[in-house]
Amino acid sequence: MIRFAKEQNYNIKILENENLNKIIYPDEVDTNSNQTYVEGSVKQVTINFYERDQIGRQKCINYYGYQCYVCGFDFKKVYGDIGKNFIHVHHIKPLSEIRKEYKLDPINDLRPVCPNCHAMIHRKNPNFSIEEISNFINDRESE
């Protein structure tokens, strides 16, 4: 019996005589498959590459440090010497939106972020803000 909190007319399809063990979910791999997978072919791609000022990047890091501005992750603390001086730098306003040369203010325009937080910031278009990602983390930690 299925009971719904809100009474409405629902269309329900009853699955019978199906082997539910054969259902493959999108994040699962059928290990019994004889299918082959091919990778490594060369593909040419044309992209716009926006120049970044390495001195501006370093001034941002000198001001904020090498810890992630979003989650506080510190590569040196976790990985030792191989993590020393490693961090991504995120443009608060994406260069792709500016679409021209502009005068960079390393303190106001950039933030050091770990690769995970950087990827999550760019997970949607327009980007999540640093504050939104920080709130996602804080909300998860308080659960």
C-alpha atoms as a PDB file:
ATOM      1  CA  MET A   1       0.000   0.000   0.000  1.00  0.00           C
ATOM      2  CA  ILE A   2       1.233   3.490  -0.849  1.00  0.00           C
ATOM      3  CA  ARG A   3      -0.145   6.406   1.129  1.00  0.00           C
ATOM      4  CA  PHE A   4       0.430  10.009   0.047  1.00  0.00           C
ATOM      5  CA  ALA A   5       0.356  12.998   2.374  1.00  0.00           C
ATOM      6  CA  LYS A   6      -1.665  14.985  -0.126  1.00  0.00           C
ATOM      7  CA  GLU A   7      -4.631  13.259  -1.731  1.00  0.00           C
ATOM      8  CA  GLN A   8      -4.532  13.640  -5.507  1.00  0.00           C
ATOM      9  CA  ASN A   9      -4.882  11.447  -8.533  1.00  0.00           C
ATOM     10  CA  TYR A  10      -1.487   9.859  -9.067  1.00  0.00           C
ATOM     11  CA  ASN A  11      -0.674   7.600 -11.987  1.00  0.00           C
ATOM     12  CA  ILE A  12       1.207   4.616 -10.672  1.00  0.00           C
ATOM     13  CA  LYS A  13       2.828   1.983 -12.841  1.00  0.00           C
ATOM     14  CA  ILE A  14       3.161  -1.385 -11.138  1.00  0.00           C
ATOM     15  CA  LEU A  15       6.304  -3.228 -12.186  1.00  0.00           C
ATOM     16  CA  GLU A  16       5.851  -6.963 -12.280  1.00  0.00           C
ATOM     17  CA  ASN A  17       7.990  -9.815 -13.455  1.00  0.00           C
ATOM     18  CA  GLU A  18      11.040  -7.607 -13.863  1.00  0.00           C
ATOM     19  CA  ASN A  19      14.381  -8.547 -12.457  1.00  0.00           C
ATOM     20  CA  LEU A  20      15.102  -5.527 -10.286  1.00  0.00           C
ATOM     21  CA  ASN A  21      18.714  -6.662  -9.880  1.00  0.00           C
ATOM     22  CA  LYS A  22      19.318  -5.719 -13.513  1.00  0.00           C
ATOM     23  CA  ILE A  23      18.391  -2.059 -13.050  1.00  0.00           C
ATOM     24  CA  ILE A  24      21.490   0.091 -13.546  1.00  0.00           C
ATOM     25  CA  TYR A  25      21.411   3.505 -11.947  1.00  0.00           C
ATOM     26  CA  PRO A  26      23.243   6.400 -13.662  1.00  0.00           C
ATOM     27  CA  ASP A  27      26.146   6.363 -11.188  1.00  0.00           C
ATOM     28  CA  GLU A  28      26.635   2.596 -11.320  1.00  0.00           C
ATOM     29  CA  VAL A  29      28.620   0.554 -13.813  1.00  0.00           C
ATOM     30  CA  ASP A  30      27.539  -2.825 -15.113  1.00  0.00           C
ATOM     31  CA  THR A  31      30.682  -4.847 -14.332  1.00  0.00           C
ATOM     32  CA  ASN A  32      29.336  -7.861 -16.236  1.00  0.00           C
ATOM     33  CA  SER A  33      29.236  -5.956 -19.516  1.00  0.00           C
ATOM     34  CA  ASN A  34      31.672  -6.905 -22.284  1.00  0.00           C
ATOM     35  CA  GLN A  35      31.537  -3.373 -23.658  1.00  0.00           C
ATOM     36  CA  THR A  36      34.897  -1.741 -24.408  1.00  0.00           C
ATOM     37  CA  TYR A  37      35.679   1.872 -23.626  1.00  0.00           C
ATOM     38  CA  VAL A  38      37.988   3.941 -25.794  1.00  0.00           C
ATOM     39  CA  GLU A  39      39.750   7.119 -24.678  1.00  0.00           C
ATOM     40  CA  GLY A  40      42.712   9.206 -25.713  1.00  0.00           C
ATOM     41  CA  SER A  41      41.880  10.337 -29.231  1.00  0.00           C
ATOM     42  CA  VAL A  42      43.022  13.853 -30.111  1.00  0.00           C
ATOM     43  CA  LYS A  43      40.377  16.523 -30.516  1.00  0.00           C
ATOM     44  CA  GLN A  44      41.080  20.157 -31.413  1.00  0.00           C
ATOM     45  CA  VAL A  45      39.151  22.741 -29.427  1.00  0.00           C
ATOM     46  CA  THR A  46      39.097  26.516 -29.836  1.00  0.00           C
ATOM     47  CA  ILE A  47      38.634  28.525 -26.636  1.00  0.00           C
ATOM     48  CA  ASN A  48      38.965  32.078 -25.389  1.00  0.00           C
ATOM     49  CA  PHE A  49      41.804  32.348 -22.893  1.00  0.00           C
ATOM     50  CA  TYR A  50      41.821  35.382 -20.645  1.00  0.00           C
ATOM     51  CA  GLU A  51      45.237  36.590 -19.540  1.00  0.00           C
ATOM     52  CA  ARG A  52      45.813  36.669 -15.816  1.00  0.00           C
ATOM     53  CA  ASP A  53      48.267  38.864 -13.974  1.00  0.00           C
ATOM     54  CA  GLN A  54      50.604  36.679 -11.900  1.00  0.00           C
ATOM     55  CA  ILE A  55      51.674  39.636  -9.759  1.00  0.00           C
ATOM     56  CA  GLY A  56      48.014  40.394  -8.978  1.00  0.00           C
ATOM     57  CA  ARG A  57      47.497  36.729  -8.075  1.00  0.00           C
ATOM     58  CA  GLN A  58      50.469  36.809  -5.718  1.00  0.00           C
ATOM     59  CA  LYS A  59      49.300  40.066  -4.092  1.00  0.00           C
ATOM     60  CA  CYS A  60      45.938  38.408  -3.399  1.00  0.00           C
ATOM     61  CA  ILE A  61      47.702  35.455  -1.774  1.00  0.00           C
ATOM     62  CA  ASN A  62      50.049  37.734   0.187  1.00  0.00           C
ATOM     63  CA  TYR A  63      46.992  39.510   1.605  1.00  0.00           C
ATOM     64  CA  TYR A  64      44.664  36.527   2.254  1.00  0.00           C
ATOM     65  CA  GLY A  65      47.154  33.675   2.642  1.00  0.00           C
ATOM     66  CA  TYR A  66      47.180  30.147   1.199  1.00  0.00           C
ATOM     67  CA  GLN A  67      44.086  28.935   3.070  1.00  0.00           C
ATOM     68  CA  CYS A  68      40.811  28.574   1.192  1.00  0.00           C
ATOM     69  CA  TYR A  69      38.715  31.693   1.745  1.00  0.00           C
ATOM     70  CA  VAL A  70      35.555  29.559   1.615  1.00  0.00           C
ATOM     71  CA  CYS A  71      36.291  26.487   3.760  1.00  0.00           C
ATOM     72  CA  GLY A  72      39.663  27.234   5.358  1.00  0.00           C
ATOM     73  CA  PHE A  73      41.430  24.238   3.787  1.00  0.00           C
ATOM     74  CA  ASP A  74      45.230  24.503   4.014  1.00  0.00           C
ATOM     75  CA  PHE A  75      47.190  22.269   1.625  1.00  0.00           C
ATOM     76  CA  LYS A  76      50.431  22.511   3.621  1.00  0.00           C
ATOM     77  CA  LYS A  77      48.723  21.351   6.827  1.00  0.00           C
ATOM     78  CA  VAL A  78      47.209  18.338   5.076  1.00  0.00           C
ATOM     79  CA  TYR A  79      49.904  17.384   2.532  1.00  0.00           C
ATOM     80  CA  GLY A  80      53.055  18.785   4.109  1.00  0.00           C
ATOM     81  CA  ASP A  81      55.735  20.279   1.883  1.00  0.00           C
ATOM     82  CA  ILE A  82      54.110  19.237  -1.403  1.00  0.00           C
ATOM     83  CA  GLY A  83      51.082  21.346  -0.450  1.00  0.00           C
ATOM     84  CA  LYS A  84      53.138  24.406   0.468  1.00  0.00           C
ATOM     85  CA  ASN A  85      52.172  27.542  -1.492  1.00  0.00           C
ATOM     86  CA  PHE A  86      49.375  25.785  -3.403  1.00  0.00           C
ATOM     87  CA  ILE A  87      45.955  27.412  -3.860  1.00  0.00           C
ATOM     88  CA  HIS A  88      43.643  28.449  -6.687  1.00  0.00           C
ATOM     89  CA  VAL A  89      42.673  32.100  -7.068  1.00  0.00           C
ATOM     90  CA  HIS A  90      39.079  32.952  -7.978  1.00  0.00           C
ATOM     91  CA  HIS A  91      37.920  36.112  -9.760  1.00  0.00           C
ATOM     92  CA  ILE A  92      34.853  37.457  -7.927  1.00  0.00           C
ATOM     93  CA  LYS A  93      33.557  38.770 -11.261  1.00  0.00           C
ATOM     94  CA  PRO A  94      34.430  36.232 -13.980  1.00  0.00           C
ATOM     95  CA  LEU A  95      36.724  37.486 -16.728  1.00  0.00           C
ATOM     96  CA  SER A  96      34.305  35.975 -19.222  1.00  0.00           C
ATOM     97  CA  GLU A  97      31.670  38.485 -18.052  1.00  0.00           C
ATOM     98  CA  ILE A  98      34.033  41.468 -18.232  1.00  0.00           C
ATOM     99  CA  ARG A  99      35.228  40.467 -21.728  1.00  0.00           C
ATOM    100  CA  LYS A 100      37.868  43.201 -21.942  1.00  0.00           C
ATOM    101  CA  GLU A 101      41.023  44.365 -20.248  1.00  0.00           C
ATOM    102  CA  TYR A 102      40.427  45.966 -16.891  1.00  0.00           C
ATOM    103  CA  LYS A 103      42.475  47.222 -13.964  1.00  0.00           C
ATOM    104  CA  LEU A 104      42.665  44.411 -11.423  1.00  0.00           C
ATOM    105  CA  ASP A 105      42.409  45.116  -7.698  1.00  0.00           C
ATOM    106  CA  PRO A 106      43.902  41.936  -6.169  1.00  0.00           C
ATOM    107  CA  ILE A 107      42.365  42.525  -2.733  1.00  0.00           C
ATOM    108  CA  ASN A 108      38.795  43.270  -3.879  1.00  0.00           C
ATOM    109  CA  ASP A 109      38.609  41.261  -7.121  1.00  0.00           C
ATOM    110  CA  LEU A 110      40.306  37.976  -6.147  1.00  0.00           C
ATOM    111  CA  ARG A 111      40.064  35.348  -3.399  1.00  0.00           C
ATOM    112  CA  PRO A 112      42.204  32.259  -2.714  1.00  0.00           C
ATOM    113  CA  VAL A 113      40.077  29.105  -2.877  1.00  0.00           C
ATOM    114  CA  CYS A 114      40.781  25.369  -2.832  1.00  0.00           C
ATOM    115  CA  PRO A 115      40.053  23.448  -6.066  1.00  0.00           C
ATOM    116  CA  ASN A 116      36.920  21.834  -4.571  1.00  0.00           C
ATOM    117  CA  CYS A 117      35.348  25.134  -3.550  1.00  0.00           C
ATOM    118  CA  HIS A 118      36.469  26.677  -6.852  1.00  0.00           C
ATOM    119  CA  ALA A 119      34.708  23.900  -8.773  1.00  0.00           C
ATOM    120  CA  MET A 120      31.533  24.350  -6.708  1.00  0.00           C
ATOM    121  CA  ILE A 121      31.570  28.128  -7.287  1.00  0.00           C
ATOM    122  CA  HIS A 122      31.617  27.455 -11.048  1.00  0.00           C
ATOM    123  CA  ARG A 123      29.021  24.655 -10.829  1.00  0.00           C
ATOM    124  CA  LYS A 124      26.260  26.882 -12.249  1.00  0.00           C
ATOM    125  CA  ASN A 125      25.970  29.880 -14.530  1.00  0.00           C
ATOM    126  CA  PRO A 126      25.931  32.526 -13.233  1.00  0.00           C
ATOM    127  CA  ASN A 127      28.431  31.332 -10.641  1.00  0.00           C
ATOM    128  CA  PHE A 128      27.584  30.736  -7.024  1.00  0.00           C
ATOM    129  CA  SER A 129      28.993  33.464  -4.812  1.00  0.00           C
ATOM    130  CA  ILE A 130      31.667  32.677  -2.257  1.00  0.00           C
ATOM    131  CA  GLU A 131      29.091  33.428   0.440  1.00  0.00           C
ATOM    132  CA  GLU A 132      26.611  30.928  -1.040  1.00  0.00           C
ATOM    133  CA  ILE A 133      29.199  28.121  -1.091  1.00  0.00           C
ATOM    134  CA  SER A 134      30.305  29.003   2.432  1.00  0.00           C
ATOM    135  CA  ASN A 135      26.659  28.864   3.561  1.00  0.00           C
ATOM    136  CA  PHE A 136      26.211  25.440   1.908  1.00  0.00           C
ATOM    137  CA  ILE A 137      29.175  24.153   3.919  1.00  0.00           C
ATOM    138  CA  ASN A 138      27.990  25.725   7.180  1.00  0.00           C
ATOM    139  CA  ASP A 139      24.456  24.381   6.686  1.00  0.00           C
ATOM    140  CA  ARG A 140      25.804  20.841   6.118  1.00  0.00           C
ATOM    141  CA  GLU A 141      28.030  21.026   9.196  1.00  0.00           C
ATOM    142  CA  SER A 142      25.096  22.078  11.387  1.00  0.00           C
ATOM    143  CA  GLU A 143      22.947  19.070  10.355  1.00  0.00           C
END
